[in-house]
């Protein structure tokens, strides 16, 4: 399979950044896309709402259903999945993109930030996967894709920001377990992570340490996600993909097209 035409994607946190890019790439195929995010009205500092992305999806050739959703709310997630399945006739793909980040050492992490990261990254991913499961099981092209890193137990990835690392690895542990658990149901479960830092609104959380010109654009993650999600589920599950590696597998090796400023040195992302 090389197209996501007529497939229904439920994308969390898709009002901007990587989630939006994945949605727009799928829309080019004529996919149905549920944009499930908290931003219903314009944010004073961040671009995009579920409605602006829905409009862009339809302009790109897809069908859109914007749903305002806090993925930490179990009941709201269940209702959103039911609404999506009723609207489009099912759910084929869940993209667990929503994430919270706070890079700080242990003494400097407010517990409200700790709770937010675990609530969104770990609980949110688990809740959405659990709620999507009955619908995915009915699909002939079922995928769950978590935007989370490969599991690397090296202490260098823990010491500077142990709270964030635990929260992101929680998403990856869902891949490790659910890929095996859902194998007999025909549901592929994989992770995708960028080789380099991606230029999104999350850069503000990194301060002046990262400049946009040393990053790639969200388009590389969108194309990598498309390459994964177009695969037959039973041929691709339980993998921790890195964006440039999956693109190389489908013959895309010219990565300059994804650079914010071609020719500038690129900053490796965390965990790789």
C-alpha atoms as a PDB file:
ATOM      1  CA  UNK A   1       0.000   0.000   0.000  1.00  0.00           C
ATOM      2  CA  UNK A   2       1.366   3.429  -0.906  1.00  0.00           C
ATOM      3  CA  UNK A   3      -1.576   5.677  -0.128  1.00  0.00           C
ATOM      4  CA  UNK A   4      -3.747   6.531   2.851  1.00  0.00           C
ATOM      5  CA  UNK A   5      -6.740   7.380   0.657  1.00  0.00           C
ATOM      6  CA  UNK A   6     -10.034   6.893   2.511  1.00  0.00           C
ATOM      7  CA  UNK A   7      -8.232   5.812   5.696  1.00  0.00           C
ATOM      8  CA  UNK A   8      -9.278   7.540   8.921  1.00  0.00           C
ATOM      9  CA  UNK A   9      -6.539   8.967  11.153  1.00  0.00           C
ATOM     10  CA  UNK A  10      -7.112  10.157  14.712  1.00  0.00           C
ATOM     11  CA  UNK A  11      -4.250  12.544  15.532  1.00  0.00           C
ATOM     12  CA  UNK A  12      -3.777  13.934  19.025  1.00  0.00           C
ATOM     13  CA  UNK A  13      -2.236  17.359  19.533  1.00  0.00           C
ATOM     14  CA  UNK A  14      -2.509  18.108  15.837  1.00  0.00           C
ATOM     15  CA  UNK A  15      -3.244  21.838  15.944  1.00  0.00           C
ATOM     16  CA  UNK A  16       0.353  22.729  15.038  1.00  0.00           C
ATOM     17  CA  UNK A  17       3.856  21.368  14.473  1.00  0.00           C
ATOM     18  CA  UNK A  18       4.513  17.718  13.711  1.00  0.00           C
ATOM     19  CA  UNK A  19       0.906  16.642  14.254  1.00  0.00           C
ATOM     20  CA  UNK A  20      -0.329  19.198  11.755  1.00  0.00           C
ATOM     21  CA  UNK A  21       2.341  18.173   9.233  1.00  0.00           C
ATOM     22  CA  UNK A  22       1.374  14.487   9.514  1.00  0.00           C
ATOM     23  CA  UNK A  23      -2.269  15.450   9.000  1.00  0.00           C
ATOM     24  CA  UNK A  24      -1.574  17.529   5.908  1.00  0.00           C
ATOM     25  CA  UNK A  25       0.593  14.804   4.353  1.00  0.00           C
ATOM     26  CA  UNK A  26      -2.195  12.261   4.823  1.00  0.00           C
ATOM     27  CA  UNK A  27      -4.700  14.763   3.449  1.00  0.00           C
ATOM     28  CA  UNK A  28      -2.783  14.841   0.160  1.00  0.00           C
ATOM     29  CA  UNK A  29      -3.795  11.190  -0.242  1.00  0.00           C
ATOM     30  CA  UNK A  30      -7.446  11.975   0.419  1.00  0.00           C
ATOM     31  CA  UNK A  31      -7.496  10.632   3.981  1.00  0.00           C
ATOM     32  CA  UNK A  32     -10.072  11.373   6.659  1.00  0.00           C
ATOM     33  CA  UNK A  33      -8.434  13.099   9.606  1.00  0.00           C
ATOM     34  CA  UNK A  34      -9.624  13.778  13.131  1.00  0.00           C
ATOM     35  CA  UNK A  35      -7.726  16.661  14.705  1.00  0.00           C
ATOM     36  CA  UNK A  36      -8.067  16.148  18.459  1.00  0.00           C
ATOM     37  CA  UNK A  37      -6.354  18.904  20.436  1.00  0.00           C
ATOM     38  CA  UNK A  38      -7.003  21.437  23.169  1.00  0.00           C
ATOM     39  CA  UNK A  39      -6.603  24.586  21.074  1.00  0.00           C
ATOM     40  CA  UNK A  40     -10.116  25.572  20.077  1.00  0.00           C
ATOM     41  CA  UNK A  41      -9.419  29.319  20.028  1.00  0.00           C
ATOM     42  CA  UNK A  42      -6.262  31.156  18.914  1.00  0.00           C
ATOM     43  CA  UNK A  43      -3.442  31.000  21.445  1.00  0.00           C
ATOM     44  CA  UNK A  44      -1.781  34.348  22.273  1.00  0.00           C
ATOM     45  CA  UNK A  45       1.725  32.972  21.633  1.00  0.00           C
ATOM     46  CA  UNK A  46       1.298  29.860  19.468  1.00  0.00           C
ATOM     47  CA  UNK A  47      -0.080  29.475  15.938  1.00  0.00           C
ATOM     48  CA  UNK A  48      -2.936  27.224  14.901  1.00  0.00           C
ATOM     49  CA  UNK A  49      -6.213  25.827  16.196  1.00  0.00           C
ATOM     50  CA  UNK A  50      -8.102  22.645  15.453  1.00  0.00           C
ATOM     51  CA  UNK A  51     -10.252  24.692  13.069  1.00  0.00           C
ATOM     52  CA  UNK A  52      -7.415  26.262  11.066  1.00  0.00           C
ATOM     53  CA  UNK A  53      -5.819  22.835  10.640  1.00  0.00           C
ATOM     54  CA  UNK A  54      -9.163  21.304   9.620  1.00  0.00           C
ATOM     55  CA  UNK A  55      -9.502  23.978   6.938  1.00  0.00           C
ATOM     56  CA  UNK A  56      -5.963  23.280   5.698  1.00  0.00           C
ATOM     57  CA  UNK A  57      -6.671  19.539   5.581  1.00  0.00           C
ATOM     58  CA  UNK A  58      -9.682  20.069   3.351  1.00  0.00           C
ATOM     59  CA  UNK A  59      -7.746  22.450   1.102  1.00  0.00           C
ATOM     60  CA  UNK A  60      -5.076  19.738   0.764  1.00  0.00           C
ATOM     61  CA  UNK A  61      -7.642  17.173  -0.388  1.00  0.00           C
ATOM     62  CA  UNK A  62      -8.663  15.410   2.819  1.00  0.00           C
ATOM     63  CA  UNK A  63     -11.741  15.328   5.012  1.00  0.00           C
ATOM     64  CA  UNK A  64     -11.474  16.813   8.491  1.00  0.00           C
ATOM     65  CA  UNK A  65     -13.223  16.526  11.830  1.00  0.00           C
ATOM     66  CA  UNK A  66     -11.924  18.942  14.488  1.00  0.00           C
ATOM     67  CA  UNK A  67     -12.565  17.866  18.092  1.00  0.00           C
ATOM     68  CA  UNK A  68     -11.493  19.890  21.106  1.00  0.00           C
ATOM     69  CA  UNK A  69     -10.029  17.309  23.483  1.00  0.00           C
ATOM     70  CA  UNK A  70      -7.940  16.999  26.621  1.00  0.00           C
ATOM     71  CA  UNK A  71      -6.505  13.501  26.250  1.00  0.00           C
ATOM     72  CA  UNK A  72      -6.121  13.200  30.029  1.00  0.00           C
ATOM     73  CA  UNK A  73      -9.933  13.027  30.297  1.00  0.00           C
ATOM     74  CA  UNK A  74     -10.884   9.367  29.952  1.00  0.00           C
ATOM     75  CA  UNK A  75     -14.576   9.989  29.276  1.00  0.00           C
ATOM     76  CA  UNK A  76     -13.902  12.753  26.777  1.00  0.00           C
ATOM     77  CA  UNK A  77     -11.466  10.519  24.875  1.00  0.00           C
ATOM     78  CA  UNK A  78     -14.017   7.694  24.691  1.00  0.00           C
ATOM     79  CA  UNK A  79     -16.650  10.113  23.394  1.00  0.00           C
ATOM     80  CA  UNK A  80     -14.227  11.575  20.834  1.00  0.00           C
ATOM     81  CA  UNK A  81     -13.329   8.131  19.491  1.00  0.00           C
ATOM     82  CA  UNK A  82     -17.006   7.226  19.196  1.00  0.00           C
ATOM     83  CA  UNK A  83     -17.741  10.521  17.426  1.00  0.00           C
ATOM     84  CA  UNK A  84     -14.860   9.978  15.019  1.00  0.00           C
ATOM     85  CA  UNK A  85     -15.879   6.401  14.228  1.00  0.00           C
ATOM     86  CA  UNK A  86     -19.484   7.407  13.646  1.00  0.00           C
ATOM     87  CA  UNK A  87     -18.536  10.373  11.468  1.00  0.00           C
ATOM     88  CA  UNK A  88     -16.109   8.512   9.204  1.00  0.00           C
ATOM     89  CA  UNK A  89     -17.345   4.931   9.577  1.00  0.00           C
ATOM     90  CA  UNK A  90     -14.441   3.681  11.677  1.00  0.00           C
ATOM     91  CA  UNK A  91     -10.873   4.457  12.753  1.00  0.00           C
ATOM     92  CA  UNK A  92      -7.846   2.989  10.989  1.00  0.00           C
ATOM     93  CA  UNK A  93      -4.912   4.860  12.485  1.00  0.00           C
ATOM     94  CA  UNK A  94      -4.134   6.482  15.832  1.00  0.00           C
ATOM     95  CA  UNK A  95      -1.218   8.918  15.996  1.00  0.00           C
ATOM     96  CA  UNK A  96      -0.248   9.648  19.594  1.00  0.00           C
ATOM     97  CA  UNK A  97       1.466  12.952  18.908  1.00  0.00           C
ATOM     98  CA  UNK A  98       0.330  15.076  21.873  1.00  0.00           C
ATOM     99  CA  UNK A  99       3.148  15.630  24.327  1.00  0.00           C
ATOM    100  CA  UNK A 100       4.293  17.888  27.151  1.00  0.00           C
ATOM    101  CA  UNK A 101       7.906  18.855  27.753  1.00  0.00           C
ATOM    102  CA  UNK A 102       9.780  20.458  30.640  1.00  0.00           C
ATOM    103  CA  UNK A 103      13.535  20.053  30.531  1.00  0.00           C
ATOM    104  CA  UNK A 104      14.900  20.559  34.033  1.00  0.00           C
ATOM    105  CA  UNK A 105      16.782  18.702  36.705  1.00  0.00           C
ATOM    106  CA  UNK A 106      14.934  17.110  39.598  1.00  0.00           C
ATOM    107  CA  UNK A 107      15.093  20.012  42.109  1.00  0.00           C
ATOM    108  CA  UNK A 108      13.757  22.423  39.491  1.00  0.00           C
ATOM    109  CA  UNK A 109      10.682  20.526  38.278  1.00  0.00           C
ATOM    110  CA  UNK A 110       7.397  21.884  39.705  1.00  0.00           C
ATOM    111  CA  UNK A 111       5.101  18.961  40.469  1.00  0.00           C
ATOM    112  CA  UNK A 112       2.399  20.481  38.276  1.00  0.00           C
ATOM    113  CA  UNK A 113       4.842  20.135  35.369  1.00  0.00           C
ATOM    114  CA  UNK A 114       5.688  16.566  36.361  1.00  0.00           C
ATOM    115  CA  UNK A 115       1.978  15.713  36.515  1.00  0.00           C
ATOM    116  CA  UNK A 116       1.331  17.388  33.166  1.00  0.00           C
ATOM    117  CA  UNK A 117       4.060  15.378  31.424  1.00  0.00           C
ATOM    118  CA  UNK A 118       2.869  12.094  32.876  1.00  0.00           C
ATOM    119  CA  UNK A 119      -0.781  13.001  32.324  1.00  0.00           C
ATOM    120  CA  UNK A 120      -0.324  13.863  28.651  1.00  0.00           C
ATOM    121  CA  UNK A 121       2.592  11.668  27.560  1.00  0.00           C
ATOM    122  CA  UNK A 122       1.960   8.454  29.487  1.00  0.00           C
ATOM    123  CA  UNK A 123      -1.667   8.489  30.586  1.00  0.00           C
ATOM    124  CA  UNK A 124      -2.868  10.263  27.431  1.00  0.00           C
ATOM    125  CA  UNK A 125      -1.128   7.804  25.129  1.00  0.00           C
ATOM    126  CA  UNK A 126      -2.449   4.840  27.096  1.00  0.00           C
ATOM    127  CA  UNK A 127      -6.001   6.211  27.313  1.00  0.00           C
ATOM    128  CA  UNK A 128      -6.172   7.019  23.595  1.00  0.00           C
ATOM    129  CA  UNK A 129      -4.757   3.625  22.602  1.00  0.00           C
ATOM    130  CA  UNK A 130      -7.200   1.848  24.896  1.00  0.00           C
ATOM    131  CA  UNK A 131     -10.178   3.836  23.578  1.00  0.00           C
ATOM    132  CA  UNK A 132      -9.167   3.379  19.937  1.00  0.00           C
ATOM    133  CA  UNK A 133      -8.582  -0.355  20.279  1.00  0.00           C
ATOM    134  CA  UNK A 134     -12.172  -1.571  19.600  1.00  0.00           C
ATOM    135  CA  UNK A 135     -12.307   0.476  16.394  1.00  0.00           C
ATOM    136  CA  UNK A 136      -8.793  -0.377  15.224  1.00  0.00           C
ATOM    137  CA  UNK A 137      -9.546  -4.062  15.691  1.00  0.00           C
ATOM    138  CA  UNK A 138     -12.255  -3.742  13.026  1.00  0.00           C
ATOM    139  CA  UNK A 139      -9.924  -2.112  10.495  1.00  0.00           C
ATOM    140  CA  UNK A 140      -7.985  -3.970   7.814  1.00  0.00           C
ATOM    141  CA  UNK A 141      -5.192  -1.397   8.036  1.00  0.00           C
ATOM    142  CA  UNK A 142      -4.793  -0.689  11.746  1.00  0.00           C
ATOM    143  CA  UNK A 143      -1.844   1.303  13.085  1.00  0.00           C
ATOM    144  CA  UNK A 144      -0.854   3.069  16.280  1.00  0.00           C
ATOM    145  CA  UNK A 145       2.089   5.417  15.909  1.00  0.00           C
ATOM    146  CA  UNK A 146       3.619   7.066  18.987  1.00  0.00           C
ATOM    147  CA  UNK A 147       5.900  10.052  18.591  1.00  0.00           C
ATOM    148  CA  UNK A 148       8.415   8.787  21.124  1.00  0.00           C
ATOM    149  CA  UNK A 149      12.097   7.827  21.268  1.00  0.00           C
ATOM    150  CA  UNK A 150      13.906   4.503  21.131  1.00  0.00           C
ATOM    151  CA  UNK A 151      14.410   3.039  24.593  1.00  0.00           C
ATOM    152  CA  UNK A 152      17.987   3.750  25.587  1.00  0.00           C
ATOM    153  CA  UNK A 153      18.903   3.145  29.218  1.00  0.00           C
ATOM    154  CA  UNK A 154      22.103   5.210  29.061  1.00  0.00           C
ATOM    155  CA  UNK A 155      22.278   7.518  32.089  1.00  0.00           C
ATOM    156  CA  UNK A 156      23.129  10.516  29.866  1.00  0.00           C
ATOM    157  CA  UNK A 157      19.487  10.627  28.763  1.00  0.00           C
ATOM    158  CA  UNK A 158      18.184  10.619  32.330  1.00  0.00           C
ATOM    159  CA  UNK A 159      20.454  12.809  34.456  1.00  0.00           C
ATOM    160  CA  UNK A 160      19.713  16.210  32.836  1.00  0.00           C
ATOM    161  CA  UNK A 161      15.900  15.793  32.813  1.00  0.00           C
ATOM    162  CA  UNK A 162      14.818  12.561  34.474  1.00  0.00           C
ATOM    163  CA  UNK A 163      11.132  13.579  34.705  1.00  0.00           C
ATOM    164  CA  UNK A 164      10.824  14.290  30.975  1.00  0.00           C
ATOM    165  CA  UNK A 165      12.776  11.170  30.024  1.00  0.00           C
ATOM    166  CA  UNK A 166      10.537   8.948  32.143  1.00  0.00           C
ATOM    167  CA  UNK A 167       7.441  10.524  30.608  1.00  0.00           C
ATOM    168  CA  UNK A 168       8.614  10.104  27.006  1.00  0.00           C
ATOM    169  CA  UNK A 169       9.899   6.599  27.650  1.00  0.00           C
ATOM    170  CA  UNK A 170       6.442   5.800  29.028  1.00  0.00           C
ATOM    171  CA  UNK A 171       5.104   6.350  25.517  1.00  0.00           C
ATOM    172  CA  UNK A 172       7.815   4.072  24.141  1.00  0.00           C
ATOM    173  CA  UNK A 173       7.013   1.378  26.687  1.00  0.00           C
ATOM    174  CA  UNK A 174       3.454   1.425  25.339  1.00  0.00           C
ATOM    175  CA  UNK A 175       4.914   0.566  21.920  1.00  0.00           C
ATOM    176  CA  UNK A 176       7.006  -2.247  23.352  1.00  0.00           C
ATOM    177  CA  UNK A 177       4.060  -3.846  25.118  1.00  0.00           C
ATOM    178  CA  UNK A 178       1.128  -3.088  22.836  1.00  0.00           C
ATOM    179  CA  UNK A 179       2.933  -4.212  19.674  1.00  0.00           C
ATOM    180  CA  UNK A 180       3.085  -7.710  21.089  1.00  0.00           C
ATOM    181  CA  UNK A 181      -0.288  -7.534  22.823  1.00  0.00           C
ATOM    182  CA  UNK A 182      -2.174  -6.388  19.711  1.00  0.00           C
ATOM    183  CA  UNK A 183      -0.258  -8.492  17.170  1.00  0.00           C
ATOM    184  CA  UNK A 184      -2.995 -11.114  16.852  1.00  0.00           C
ATOM    185  CA  UNK A 185      -5.573  -8.349  16.371  1.00  0.00           C
ATOM    186  CA  UNK A 186      -3.756  -7.113  13.267  1.00  0.00           C
ATOM    187  CA  UNK A 187      -2.838  -3.776  14.854  1.00  0.00           C
ATOM    188  CA  UNK A 188       0.669  -2.466  14.192  1.00  0.00           C
ATOM    189  CA  UNK A 189       2.211  -0.385  16.980  1.00  0.00           C
ATOM    190  CA  UNK A 190       5.368   1.618  16.305  1.00  0.00           C
ATOM    191  CA  UNK A 191       7.341   4.652  17.466  1.00  0.00           C
ATOM    192  CA  UNK A 192       8.834   7.445  15.379  1.00  0.00           C
ATOM    193  CA  UNK A 193      11.502   9.916  16.505  1.00  0.00           C
ATOM    194  CA  UNK A 194      13.584  12.545  14.688  1.00  0.00           C
ATOM    195  CA  UNK A 195      17.319  12.322  14.168  1.00  0.00           C
ATOM    196  CA  UNK A 196      17.640  16.079  14.583  1.00  0.00           C
ATOM    197  CA  UNK A 197      15.708  18.711  16.477  1.00  0.00           C
ATOM    198  CA  UNK A 198      12.561  19.735  14.609  1.00  0.00           C
ATOM    199  CA  UNK A 199      11.630  23.412  14.325  1.00  0.00           C
ATOM    200  CA  UNK A 200       8.331  23.605  16.216  1.00  0.00           C
ATOM    201  CA  UNK A 201       6.844  25.742  18.965  1.00  0.00           C
ATOM    202  CA  UNK A 202       8.470  23.375  21.495  1.00  0.00           C
ATOM    203  CA  UNK A 203      11.816  25.004  20.661  1.00  0.00           C
ATOM    204  CA  UNK A 204      10.870  27.786  23.055  1.00  0.00           C
ATOM    205  CA  UNK A 205      11.203  25.251  25.889  1.00  0.00           C
ATOM    206  CA  UNK A 206      14.864  24.773  24.980  1.00  0.00           C
ATOM    207  CA  UNK A 207      15.728  28.456  25.349  1.00  0.00           C
ATOM    208  CA  UNK A 208      18.554  29.907  23.282  1.00  0.00           C
ATOM    209  CA  UNK A 209      20.360  26.561  23.117  1.00  0.00           C
ATOM    210  CA  UNK A 210      18.656  25.679  19.827  1.00  0.00           C
ATOM    211  CA  UNK A 211      18.348  27.991  16.839  1.00  0.00           C
ATOM    212  CA  UNK A 212      15.798  27.208  14.087  1.00  0.00           C
ATOM    213  CA  UNK A 213      18.486  27.242  11.395  1.00  0.00           C
ATOM    214  CA  UNK A 214      20.062  24.193  13.061  1.00  0.00           C
ATOM    215  CA  UNK A 215      16.834  22.198  12.755  1.00  0.00           C
ATOM    216  CA  UNK A 216      14.770  20.353  10.205  1.00  0.00           C
ATOM    217  CA  UNK A 217      11.142  21.135   9.438  1.00  0.00           C
ATOM    218  CA  UNK A 218       8.173  18.996  10.546  1.00  0.00           C
ATOM    219  CA  UNK A 219       7.847  17.812   6.936  1.00  0.00           C
ATOM    220  CA  UNK A 220      10.515  15.133   7.481  1.00  0.00           C
ATOM    221  CA  UNK A 221       8.460  13.598  10.285  1.00  0.00           C
ATOM    222  CA  UNK A 222       5.323  13.810   8.164  1.00  0.00           C
ATOM    223  CA  UNK A 223       6.932  11.944   5.267  1.00  0.00           C
ATOM    224  CA  UNK A 224       8.449   9.368   7.633  1.00  0.00           C
ATOM    225  CA  UNK A 225       5.114   8.812   9.363  1.00  0.00           C
ATOM    226  CA  UNK A 226       3.423   8.378   5.985  1.00  0.00           C
ATOM    227  CA  UNK A 227       5.995   5.759   4.978  1.00  0.00           C
ATOM    228  CA  UNK A 228       5.269   3.798   8.162  1.00  0.00           C
ATOM    229  CA  UNK A 229       1.494   4.128   8.090  1.00  0.00           C
ATOM    230  CA  UNK A 230       1.263   3.073   4.452  1.00  0.00           C
ATOM    231  CA  UNK A 231       2.845  -0.291   5.279  1.00  0.00           C
ATOM    232  CA  UNK A 232       0.815  -3.427   5.820  1.00  0.00           C
ATOM    233  CA  UNK A 233       0.364  -3.748   9.601  1.00  0.00           C
ATOM    234  CA  UNK A 234       1.693  -7.283   9.881  1.00  0.00           C
ATOM    235  CA  UNK A 235       4.947  -6.279   8.161  1.00  0.00           C
ATOM    236  CA  UNK A 236       5.772  -3.355  10.419  1.00  0.00           C
ATOM    237  CA  UNK A 237       5.140  -3.532  14.140  1.00  0.00           C
ATOM    238  CA  UNK A 238       7.163  -3.136  17.321  1.00  0.00           C
ATOM    239  CA  UNK A 239       9.725  -0.846  15.694  1.00  0.00           C
ATOM    240  CA  UNK A 240      11.406   2.290  17.004  1.00  0.00           C
ATOM    241  CA  UNK A 241      11.907   4.179  13.781  1.00  0.00           C
ATOM    242  CA  UNK A 242      14.188   7.189  13.242  1.00  0.00           C
ATOM    243  CA  UNK A 243      12.926   9.577  10.560  1.00  0.00           C
ATOM    244  CA  UNK A 244      15.907   9.536   8.173  1.00  0.00           C
ATOM    245  CA  UNK A 245      16.270   5.745   8.405  1.00  0.00           C
ATOM    246  CA  UNK A 246      12.673   5.053   7.402  1.00  0.00           C
ATOM    247  CA  UNK A 247      12.944   7.564   4.544  1.00  0.00           C
ATOM    248  CA  UNK A 248      16.089   5.844   3.285  1.00  0.00           C
ATOM    249  CA  UNK A 249      14.147   2.581   3.190  1.00  0.00           C
ATOM    250  CA  UNK A 250      11.665   4.151   0.761  1.00  0.00           C
ATOM    251  CA  UNK A 251      14.380   5.764  -1.357  1.00  0.00           C
ATOM    252  CA  UNK A 252      14.402   9.320   0.030  1.00  0.00           C
ATOM    253  CA  UNK A 253      18.035  10.210   0.712  1.00  0.00           C
ATOM    254  CA  UNK A 254      18.157  13.909  -0.187  1.00  0.00           C
ATOM    255  CA  UNK A 255      17.426  15.418   3.214  1.00  0.00           C
ATOM    256  CA  UNK A 256      18.402  19.000   2.370  1.00  0.00           C
ATOM    257  CA  UNK A 257      14.779  19.603   1.408  1.00  0.00           C
ATOM    258  CA  UNK A 258      13.864  19.284   5.077  1.00  0.00           C
ATOM    259  CA  UNK A 259      16.459  21.693   6.461  1.00  0.00           C
ATOM    260  CA  UNK A 260      15.248  25.032   7.768  1.00  0.00           C
ATOM    261  CA  UNK A 261      18.478  26.467   6.337  1.00  0.00           C
ATOM    262  CA  UNK A 262      20.281  24.049   4.011  1.00  0.00           C
ATOM    263  CA  UNK A 263      23.993  23.902   4.663  1.00  0.00           C
ATOM    264  CA  UNK A 264      23.771  24.800   8.340  1.00  0.00           C
ATOM    265  CA  UNK A 265      24.909  22.203  10.917  1.00  0.00           C
ATOM    266  CA  UNK A 266      22.073  20.182  12.403  1.00  0.00           C
ATOM    267  CA  UNK A 267      21.588  19.598  16.109  1.00  0.00           C
ATOM    268  CA  UNK A 268      20.910  15.968  17.108  1.00  0.00           C
ATOM    269  CA  UNK A 269      17.690  15.432  19.039  1.00  0.00           C
ATOM    270  CA  UNK A 270      17.561  13.907  22.498  1.00  0.00           C
ATOM    271  CA  UNK A 271      17.834  10.125  22.879  1.00  0.00           C
ATOM    272  CA  UNK A 272      19.680   9.458  19.572  1.00  0.00           C
END
